[in-house]
Amino acid sequence: MGEFDLIAHYFTRPVRPGGAAVLGVGDDCALLAPSPGMQLAISSDMLVEGRHFFADVDPEALGHKALAVNLSDLAACGARPLAFTLALSLPRVHEPWLAGFARGMWQLADAHGCELVGGDTTQGPLNICITVFGEVPSGEALLRSGARPGDDLYVSGTLGDARLALEALLGHTPLPADVLARARQRLERPTPRVALGLQLRGIASSAMDLSDGLVGDVSHILTASRVGVAINVDLATNLIASSAHPSIGSSQFDTELSRRCVLSGGDDYELAFTAPTAQRSAVAAAAAASGTAVTRIGTVLAEPGLRLVDGQGRPVENRYASFDHFR
């Protein structure tokens, strides 16, 4: 199978009537037509074998995740997905692998009405780069720079399970098979919180998605907004779903492991966002409307810096750092 046969067989479909894509795969450029009064939101993410995923990962899960991590960026901006491009480097043409990868990608794309409109394929080490396009009303995009002192800090869903799966797969933390399977699902099939992001427009003062770890990612909001934050680590670490599993004993899941997974783990692809205290009812309504749990875990401060406190407000040493590709 040659390059163009591969593209035609696995990655080409007619554009949806009435969709944003006027022209999709097959020409030198795709053509998108966002709705009047909308701005385009654009983001790219790359997944590299051995760096972002294991060589034996289920290709269907990898197809899902490759698109999910990009949709998560649109969610953090409050943007509705429109289309995406795929740049794919493959060591060789392996049709069962391609079929699984495409199936996982198409399933998520269809769930969000997001069309593949172009890209590139080449031979080389397995490397997946997706660029996603969304639209958001002019002036309504959620940014990192809007947090203000006194705002509440929230996170969506659960945190830390993806990092726990990674710890187990690397042999650092033994887990019962059923717990590992559930945690690995969070690592390999994250849920982009697009519906929540759309509901938070006009409510949240800032937002971003959690890809590298809570403390590091929230620090980007603090830098952009020129504020500080106090995070209640007891509330945050209660968000690791696997810790409540009855087959995990205290010897396997202690406080330090929980904090490490939640505070400095990555691959959660949940949303962290701030909102004024006056918007608490609106945040709850947005969470309910999107079918997404949210938890208030901290308070934005005027003094710059990230502080960790326990449930009684006592300081907790911050020895946690998020993932960095070059450290």
Protein backbone atom coordinates (compact mmCIF):
# COMPACT_ATOMS: atom_id res chain seq x y z
CA MET A 1 0.00 0.00 0.00
CA GLY A 2 1.43 3.36 -1.04
CA GLU A 3 1.13 6.70 0.74
CA PHE A 4 -1.86 7.96 -1.22
CA ASP A 5 -3.65 4.62 -1.06
CA LEU A 6 -3.15 4.71 2.72
CA ILE A 7 -4.63 8.20 2.97
CA ALA A 8 -7.57 7.34 0.72
CA HIS A 9 -8.36 4.09 2.54
CA TYR A 10 -8.04 5.15 6.19
CA PHE A 11 -8.19 8.93 6.40
CA THR A 12 -10.51 10.24 3.69
CA ARG A 13 -14.24 10.82 4.03
CA PRO A 14 -16.65 13.28 2.38
CA VAL A 15 -17.11 16.54 4.28
CA ARG A 16 -20.35 16.82 6.25
CA PRO A 17 -23.07 18.88 4.56
CA GLY A 18 -23.51 22.12 6.45
CA GLY A 19 -20.26 21.69 8.38
CA ALA A 20 -17.44 24.18 8.73
CA ALA A 21 -15.26 22.40 6.17
CA VAL A 22 -15.99 23.60 2.64
CA LEU A 23 -13.15 21.53 1.18
CA GLY A 24 -11.43 18.64 2.95
CA VAL A 25 -8.79 16.04 2.13
CA GLY A 26 -7.48 15.91 -1.44
CA ASP A 27 -6.35 19.44 -2.37
CA ASP A 28 -3.30 21.43 -1.40
CA CYS A 29 -5.28 23.30 1.25
CA ALA A 30 -8.48 22.70 3.17
CA LEU A 31 -11.10 25.43 3.32
CA LEU A 32 -12.96 26.26 6.55
CA ALA A 33 -15.86 28.67 6.93
CA PRO A 34 -16.39 29.62 10.60
CA SER A 35 -19.74 31.11 11.56
CA PRO A 36 -20.18 34.89 11.39
CA GLY A 37 -19.01 36.65 14.54
CA MET A 38 -16.71 33.77 15.48
CA GLN A 39 -12.96 33.58 15.95
CA LEU A 40 -10.90 30.52 15.04
CA ALA A 41 -9.22 28.70 17.93
CA ILE A 42 -6.21 26.63 16.79
CA SER A 43 -3.95 24.25 18.71
CA SER A 44 -1.37 21.53 17.96
CA ASP A 45 -0.14 18.58 19.99
CA MET A 46 2.40 15.91 19.12
CA LEU A 47 2.60 12.36 20.47
CA VAL A 48 5.92 10.50 20.13
CA GLU A 49 6.37 6.77 20.73
CA GLY A 50 8.45 6.13 23.84
CA ARG A 51 7.83 9.64 25.10
CA HIS A 52 4.05 9.95 25.21
CA PHE A 53 2.91 6.34 24.82
CA PHE A 54 4.20 2.79 25.10
CA ALA A 55 5.02 0.80 21.98
CA ASP A 56 2.38 -1.82 22.84
CA VAL A 57 -0.49 0.65 23.28
CA ASP A 58 -3.81 -0.37 21.70
CA PRO A 59 -3.89 1.55 18.38
CA GLU A 60 -7.59 2.34 18.82
CA ALA A 61 -6.82 3.95 22.18
CA LEU A 62 -3.93 5.86 20.59
CA GLY A 63 -6.18 7.19 17.83
CA HIS A 64 -8.61 8.37 20.51
CA LYS A 65 -5.92 10.02 22.63
CA ALA A 66 -4.17 11.73 19.73
CA LEU A 67 -7.34 13.68 18.99
CA ALA A 68 -8.53 13.94 22.61
CA VAL A 69 -5.49 15.89 23.81
CA ASN A 70 -6.14 18.49 21.10
CA LEU A 71 -9.87 18.71 21.78
CA SER A 72 -8.92 19.31 25.42
CA ASP A 73 -7.13 22.50 24.36
CA LEU A 74 -10.28 23.69 22.60
CA ALA A 75 -12.26 22.88 25.74
CA ALA A 76 -9.93 25.06 27.81
CA CYS A 77 -10.59 27.92 25.39
CA GLY A 78 -14.37 27.42 25.40
CA ALA A 79 -14.30 26.64 21.68
CA ARG A 80 -16.52 24.34 19.64
CA PRO A 81 -14.53 21.84 17.52
CA LEU A 82 -14.70 22.25 13.75
CA ALA A 83 -11.93 20.29 12.04
CA PHE A 84 -8.40 18.92 12.38
CA THR A 85 -5.35 17.91 10.38
CA LEU A 86 -3.19 14.82 10.97
CA ALA A 87 0.55 14.53 10.35
CA LEU A 88 1.55 10.89 10.77
CA SER A 89 5.02 9.33 10.65
CA LEU A 90 4.94 5.51 10.40
CA PRO A 91 7.82 3.01 10.53
CA ARG A 92 5.89 0.84 8.05
CA VAL A 93 2.40 0.26 6.70
CA HIS A 94 0.68 -2.19 9.07
CA GLU A 95 -2.96 -2.30 8.07
CA PRO A 96 -4.45 -3.81 11.27
CA TRP A 97 -2.70 -1.08 13.28
CA LEU A 98 -3.94 1.64 10.90
CA ALA A 99 -7.49 0.29 11.03
CA GLY A 100 -7.53 0.42 14.84
CA PHE A 101 -5.91 3.85 15.00
CA ALA A 102 -8.35 5.29 12.48
CA ARG A 103 -11.33 3.70 14.24
CA GLY A 104 -10.46 5.27 17.60
CA MET A 105 -9.82 8.65 15.99
CA TRP A 106 -13.01 8.62 13.91
CA GLN A 107 -15.19 7.62 16.87
CA LEU A 108 -14.07 10.63 18.89
CA ALA A 109 -14.16 12.95 15.87
CA ASP A 110 -17.74 11.93 15.11
CA ALA A 111 -18.77 12.42 18.75
CA HIS A 112 -17.65 16.06 18.53
CA GLY A 113 -18.57 16.81 14.91
CA CYS A 114 -14.92 17.43 14.08
CA GLU A 115 -13.71 16.66 10.54
CA LEU A 116 -10.30 15.54 9.29
CA VAL A 117 -9.48 17.99 6.49
CA GLY A 118 -5.84 17.28 5.62
CA GLY A 119 -2.33 16.58 6.87
CA ASP A 120 0.71 14.57 5.84
CA THR A 121 2.13 11.05 6.02
CA THR A 122 5.74 9.92 5.88
CA GLN A 123 7.94 6.98 6.85
CA GLY A 124 9.93 7.27 10.06
CA PRO A 125 9.65 6.73 13.83
CA LEU A 126 6.03 6.63 15.02
CA ASN A 127 5.02 10.23 15.57
CA ILE A 128 1.51 11.73 15.54
CA CYS A 129 0.85 15.46 15.27
CA ILE A 130 -2.69 16.84 15.15
CA THR A 131 -3.70 20.45 14.65
CA VAL A 132 -7.27 21.19 15.66
CA PHE A 133 -9.51 24.10 14.69
CA GLY A 134 -12.47 25.38 16.68
CA GLU A 135 -14.64 28.47 16.86
CA VAL A 136 -15.58 30.74 19.72
CA PRO A 137 -17.63 33.98 19.73
CA SER A 138 -15.42 37.05 19.40
CA GLY A 139 -14.31 38.24 22.83
CA GLU A 140 -15.66 35.17 24.68
CA ALA A 141 -12.65 32.84 24.60
CA LEU A 142 -11.51 31.49 27.96
CA LEU A 143 -7.90 32.57 28.56
CA ARG A 144 -5.25 31.98 31.19
CA SER A 145 -4.96 35.68 31.97
CA GLY A 146 -8.28 36.53 33.64
CA ALA A 147 -7.95 35.17 37.20
CA ARG A 148 -8.46 37.78 39.92
CA PRO A 149 -7.79 37.77 43.69
CA GLY A 150 -10.69 36.21 45.55
CA ASP A 151 -11.70 33.92 42.68
CA ASP A 152 -12.30 30.25 43.36
CA LEU A 153 -10.08 27.62 41.72
CA TYR A 154 -11.87 24.55 40.34
CA VAL A 155 -10.89 21.35 38.56
CA SER A 156 -13.11 19.02 36.59
CA GLY A 157 -13.44 15.25 36.90
CA THR A 158 -10.77 13.20 38.66
CA LEU A 159 -7.01 13.70 38.84
CA GLY A 160 -4.01 11.45 39.29
CA ASP A 161 -5.27 8.13 37.89
CA ALA A 162 -3.29 8.48 34.67
CA ARG A 163 -0.09 9.05 36.63
CA LEU A 164 -0.91 6.11 38.87
CA ALA A 165 -1.24 3.89 35.80
CA LEU A 166 2.12 5.11 34.54
CA GLU A 167 3.74 4.39 37.91
CA ALA A 168 2.36 0.84 37.79
CA LEU A 169 3.34 0.22 34.15
CA LEU A 170 6.89 1.37 34.91
CA GLY A 171 7.03 -1.09 37.82
CA HIS A 172 7.17 1.57 40.55
CA THR A 173 3.79 0.89 42.18
CA PRO A 174 2.15 -2.56 42.13
CA LEU A 175 -1.61 -2.45 41.57
CA PRO A 176 -4.35 -5.09 41.40
CA ALA A 177 -5.15 -5.92 37.78
CA ASP A 178 -8.65 -4.40 37.90
CA VAL A 179 -7.38 -1.14 39.40
CA LEU A 180 -4.61 -0.88 36.82
CA ALA A 181 -7.10 -1.49 34.01
CA ARG A 182 -9.32 1.36 35.20
CA ALA A 183 -6.41 3.72 35.77
CA ARG A 184 -4.92 2.83 32.38
CA GLN A 185 -8.21 3.77 30.76
CA ARG A 186 -7.72 7.29 32.12
CA LEU A 187 -4.14 7.34 30.80
CA GLU A 188 -4.91 6.08 27.31
CA ARG A 189 -8.49 7.31 26.71
CA PRO A 190 -8.85 10.75 28.33
CA THR A 191 -12.17 12.58 28.06
CA PRO A 192 -11.88 16.08 26.56
CA ARG A 193 -14.19 18.37 28.52
CA VAL A 194 -15.54 20.23 25.52
CA ALA A 195 -19.10 20.45 26.83
CA LEU A 196 -17.93 21.98 30.11
CA GLY A 197 -15.71 24.49 28.33
CA LEU A 198 -18.66 25.69 26.26
CA GLN A 199 -20.82 26.04 29.37
CA LEU A 200 -18.13 28.05 31.20
CA ARG A 201 -18.06 30.88 28.65
CA GLY A 202 -19.07 34.05 30.48
CA ILE A 203 -18.64 32.35 33.86
CA ALA A 204 -14.99 31.34 34.27
CA SER A 205 -12.42 34.11 34.59
CA SER A 206 -9.56 31.88 33.35
CA ALA A 207 -9.01 28.30 32.28
CA MET A 208 -6.52 25.79 30.92
CA ASP A 209 -6.34 22.05 30.49
CA LEU A 210 -4.26 19.83 32.77
CA SER A 211 -1.73 17.94 30.68
CA ASP A 212 1.53 18.13 32.65
CA GLY A 213 0.33 18.17 36.26
CA LEU A 214 -1.81 20.36 38.50
CA VAL A 215 0.87 22.51 40.19
CA GLY A 216 2.74 23.24 36.98
CA ASP A 217 -0.29 23.89 34.82
CA VAL A 218 -2.04 26.11 37.38
CA SER A 219 1.22 28.06 37.63
CA HIS A 220 0.72 29.10 34.00
CA ILE A 221 -2.58 30.73 34.98
CA LEU A 222 -0.85 32.50 37.87
CA THR A 223 1.89 33.84 35.62
CA ALA A 224 -0.52 35.03 32.93
CA SER A 225 -2.89 36.59 35.47
CA ARG A 226 -0.17 37.93 37.81
CA VAL A 227 -1.78 36.42 40.90
CA GLY A 228 -1.16 33.65 43.40
CA VAL A 229 -3.22 30.74 44.68
CA ALA A 230 -3.69 28.56 47.74
CA ILE A 231 -4.57 24.95 46.87
CA ASN A 232 -6.14 22.66 49.46
CA VAL A 233 -4.15 19.46 48.90
CA ASP A 234 -6.58 17.36 50.93
CA LEU A 235 -9.45 18.31 48.60
CA ALA A 236 -7.25 17.83 45.53
CA THR A 237 -5.92 14.43 46.48
CA ASN A 238 -9.42 13.14 47.17
CA LEU A 239 -9.97 13.42 43.42
CA ILE A 240 -7.88 10.36 42.55
CA ALA A 241 -10.62 7.83 41.88
CA SER A 242 -8.45 4.74 42.26
CA SER A 243 -7.70 5.52 45.90
CA ALA A 244 -11.27 4.64 46.85
CA HIS A 245 -11.05 1.16 45.36
CA PRO A 246 -11.56 -1.46 48.12
CA SER A 247 -8.71 -3.68 46.87
CA ILE A 248 -6.08 -0.98 47.54
CA GLY A 249 -4.62 -1.05 51.02
CA SER A 250 -2.76 1.72 52.78
CA SER A 251 0.55 0.05 52.01
CA GLN A 252 -0.13 0.48 48.28
CA PHE A 253 -1.67 3.92 48.25
CA ASP A 254 -0.33 6.30 50.88
CA THR A 255 -0.75 10.04 51.22
CA GLU A 256 2.53 10.87 49.51
CA LEU A 257 1.77 8.71 46.48
CA SER A 258 -1.67 10.27 46.21
CA ARG A 259 -0.23 13.78 46.36
CA ARG A 260 2.47 12.99 43.83
CA CYS A 261 -0.02 11.54 41.34
CA VAL A 262 -2.48 14.42 41.68
CA LEU A 263 -0.15 17.40 42.07
CA SER A 264 2.70 16.49 39.73
CA GLY A 265 1.21 13.76 37.57
CA GLY A 266 0.13 14.46 34.02
CA ASP A 267 -2.16 13.21 31.27
CA ASP A 268 -5.35 14.07 33.16
CA TYR A 269 -6.74 16.35 30.44
CA GLU A 270 -9.22 17.83 32.87
CA LEU A 271 -9.91 21.56 33.09
CA ALA A 272 -8.56 23.86 35.77
CA PHE A 273 -10.46 27.14 35.89
CA THR A 274 -11.15 30.12 38.12
CA ALA A 275 -14.41 31.97 38.69
CA PRO A 276 -15.61 34.74 41.02
CA THR A 277 -17.31 33.53 44.20
CA ALA A 278 -20.52 35.19 42.97
CA GLN A 279 -20.55 32.64 40.15
CA ARG A 280 -20.66 29.52 42.33
CA SER A 281 -24.26 28.75 41.41
CA ALA A 282 -23.49 29.36 37.74
CA VAL A 283 -20.48 27.01 37.92
CA ALA A 284 -22.67 24.33 39.48
CA ALA A 285 -25.24 24.80 36.73
CA ALA A 286 -22.54 24.60 34.03
CA ALA A 287 -21.22 21.39 35.56
CA ALA A 288 -24.71 19.88 35.65
CA ALA A 289 -25.54 20.97 32.10
CA SER A 290 -22.33 19.41 30.75
CA GLY A 291 -22.59 16.25 32.85
CA THR A 292 -19.17 16.93 34.36
CA ALA A 293 -18.25 16.93 38.04
CA VAL A 294 -16.27 19.94 39.25
CA THR A 295 -14.56 20.49 42.60
CA ARG A 296 -13.50 23.75 44.22
CA ILE A 297 -9.94 23.21 45.47
CA GLY A 298 -8.47 26.64 46.12
CA THR A 299 -8.58 30.41 46.25
CA VAL A 300 -6.82 32.97 44.06
CA LEU A 301 -4.59 35.37 46.03
CA ALA A 302 -3.21 38.81 45.28
CA GLU A 303 0.32 37.84 46.33
CA PRO A 304 2.05 35.89 43.52
CA GLY A 305 3.06 32.27 44.05
CA LEU A 306 1.50 28.84 44.48
CA ARG A 307 0.88 27.73 48.05
CA LEU A 308 -0.26 24.33 49.27
CA VAL A 309 -2.32 24.00 52.44
CA ASP A 310 -4.05 21.10 54.17
CA GLY A 311 -7.71 20.89 55.16
CA GLN A 312 -7.05 23.00 58.26
CA GLY A 313 -5.26 25.71 56.30
CA ARG A 314 -1.78 24.70 57.51
CA PRO A 315 1.09 25.08 55.01
CA VAL A 316 2.23 21.96 53.15
CA GLU A 317 5.73 21.84 51.70
CA ASN A 318 5.58 22.22 47.93
CA ARG A 319 8.09 19.66 46.64
CA TYR A 320 6.06 18.77 43.57
CA ALA A 321 6.97 19.60 40.00
CA SER A 322 5.08 18.92 36.79
CA PHE A 323 6.39 17.14 33.73
CA ASP A 324 8.88 18.98 31.52
CA HIS A 325 10.20 17.46 28.29
CA PHE A 326 13.65 18.98 28.73
CA ARG A 327 14.29 18.44 32.44
